[in-house]
Amino acid sequence: SPALTLGGSYIWMTPSPEEGREDTTNEWRIDGRWRIDRRWQASLDWRYNVERERSAAARVGVRYQTECVTVNFDLRRRFTSDDQVEPVTDFGLRVALEGFGASGPARGPARCGP
């Protein structure tokens, strides 16, 4: 797989009270992944609200993966469109032990430890 992947999208939707969307949605989204080496990966996602001329959300993350464990750490920031509501920042940490159970793709025999 490539060391660097970039993506982008644009969305425009008219208001739809039936779907709970009172305002026009007009956003750009950019995301990227960088495989630093075979164990480390960094990622970035950013959404920009064109109607309000400001960021809507952002996320940066780091992932470490071996045959035995996957560790994900990310920082997310959701910017608010309302001056009365504070923006929200979340930190995420996920640790998954690999090779247990039947879920996920089969990777073949692996050895954890020395």
Protein backbone atom coordinates (compact mmCIF):
# COMPACT_ATOMS: atom_id res chain seq x y z
CA SER A 1 0.00 0.00 0.00
CA PRO A 2 1.20 3.56 -0.64
CA ALA A 3 3.00 5.46 2.11
CA LEU A 4 0.75 8.51 1.69
CA THR A 5 -2.93 8.61 0.77
CA LEU A 6 -4.98 11.78 0.42
CA GLY A 7 -8.68 12.24 -0.16
CA GLY A 8 -11.15 15.02 -0.41
CA SER A 9 -14.85 15.55 -0.88
CA TYR A 10 -17.43 18.29 -1.15
CA ILE A 11 -21.01 18.06 0.05
CA TRP A 12 -23.92 20.39 -0.58
CA MET A 13 -27.40 19.61 0.76
CA THR A 14 -30.47 21.81 0.95
CA PRO A 15 -32.43 22.09 4.20
CA SER A 16 -34.67 19.11 4.98
CA PRO A 17 -36.80 19.33 8.14
CA GLU A 18 -37.86 15.68 7.61
CA GLU A 19 -34.20 14.66 8.11
CA GLY A 20 -33.59 17.12 10.96
CA ARG A 21 -31.45 19.41 8.79
CA GLU A 22 -32.68 23.00 9.15
CA ASP A 23 -29.77 24.69 7.35
CA THR A 24 -27.99 24.23 4.06
CA THR A 25 -24.95 21.98 4.37
CA ASN A 26 -21.99 23.15 2.32
CA GLU A 27 -18.71 21.55 3.41
CA TRP A 28 -15.26 20.56 2.19
CA ARG A 29 -13.55 17.53 3.71
CA ILE A 30 -9.89 16.60 3.44
CA ASP A 31 -8.34 13.47 4.90
CA GLY A 32 -4.94 11.87 4.76
CA ARG A 33 -3.04 8.85 5.98
CA TRP A 34 0.74 8.51 6.19
CA ARG A 35 2.33 5.13 6.74
CA ILE A 36 5.50 6.13 8.55
CA ASP A 37 6.86 2.58 8.62
CA ARG A 38 5.42 -0.92 8.85
CA ARG A 39 4.18 -0.38 12.42
CA TRP A 40 3.32 3.35 12.62
CA GLN A 41 0.64 5.36 10.81
CA ALA A 42 -0.50 8.97 11.22
CA SER A 43 -3.84 10.38 10.06
CA LEU A 44 -5.63 13.70 9.67
CA ASP A 45 -9.24 14.60 8.86
CA TRP A 46 -10.58 18.14 8.50
CA ARG A 47 -14.03 19.50 7.63
CA TYR A 48 -14.62 23.13 6.62
CA ASN A 49 -18.09 24.73 6.60
CA VAL A 50 -18.24 26.99 3.55
CA GLU A 51 -21.54 28.62 4.61
CA ARG A 52 -20.12 29.75 7.97
CA GLU A 53 -16.56 30.26 6.70
CA ARG A 54 -14.96 28.24 9.52
CA SER A 55 -13.82 24.77 10.50
CA ALA A 56 -16.54 22.29 11.41
CA ALA A 57 -14.39 19.43 12.77
CA ALA A 58 -10.83 18.14 12.85
CA ARG A 59 -9.09 14.94 13.92
CA VAL A 60 -5.46 13.84 14.17
CA GLY A 61 -4.44 10.33 15.04
CA VAL A 62 -1.51 7.97 15.51
CA ARG A 63 -1.64 4.18 15.19
CA TYR A 64 0.88 1.55 16.23
CA GLN A 65 0.31 -2.05 15.11
CA THR A 66 2.16 -5.35 15.56
CA GLU A 67 1.07 -8.96 15.25
CA CYS A 68 0.08 -8.85 18.93
CA VAL A 69 -1.43 -5.43 19.59
CA THR A 70 -2.92 -2.38 17.89
CA VAL A 71 -2.89 0.97 19.72
CA ASN A 72 -4.83 3.96 18.38
CA PHE A 73 -4.64 7.46 19.86
CA ASP A 74 -6.58 10.36 18.42
CA LEU A 75 -7.58 13.90 19.21
CA ARG A 76 -10.88 15.24 17.88
CA ARG A 77 -12.22 18.76 17.89
CA ARG A 78 -15.81 19.55 16.93
CA PHE A 79 -16.30 23.24 16.38
CA THR A 80 -19.72 24.64 17.10
CA SER A 81 -21.98 26.66 14.85
CA ASP A 82 -23.73 28.27 17.82
CA ASP A 83 -22.10 31.03 19.87
CA GLN A 84 -23.92 29.77 22.98
CA VAL A 85 -22.42 26.26 22.84
CA GLU A 86 -18.76 25.53 23.56
CA PRO A 87 -16.68 23.51 21.08
CA VAL A 88 -15.93 19.93 22.12
CA THR A 89 -12.51 18.27 22.24
CA ASP A 90 -12.18 14.50 22.72
CA PHE A 91 -9.17 12.28 23.25
CA GLY A 92 -9.39 8.63 22.27
CA LEU A 93 -7.20 5.69 23.19
CA ARG A 94 -7.94 2.18 22.01
CA VAL A 95 -5.85 -0.92 22.65
CA ALA A 96 -6.75 -4.14 20.84
CA LEU A 97 -5.08 -7.48 21.40
CA GLU A 98 -4.58 -9.20 18.05
CA GLY A 99 -4.83 -12.89 17.30
CA PHE A 100 -7.64 -13.75 19.76
CA GLY A 101 -11.05 -14.94 18.60
CA ALA A 102 -12.36 -15.38 15.08
CA SER A 103 -13.10 -11.78 14.06
CA GLY A 104 -11.05 -9.85 11.53
CA PRO A 105 -8.90 -11.04 8.67
CA ALA A 106 -6.74 -14.10 9.19
CA ARG A 107 -3.08 -13.11 9.27
CA GLY A 108 -1.55 -16.55 9.56
CA PRO A 109 0.72 -17.68 12.37
CA ALA A 110 2.17 -14.91 14.51
CA ARG A 111 4.47 -14.90 17.46
CA CYS A 112 4.17 -12.43 20.32
CA GLY A 113 7.09 -11.96 22.63
CA PRO A 114 10.72 -13.07 22.45
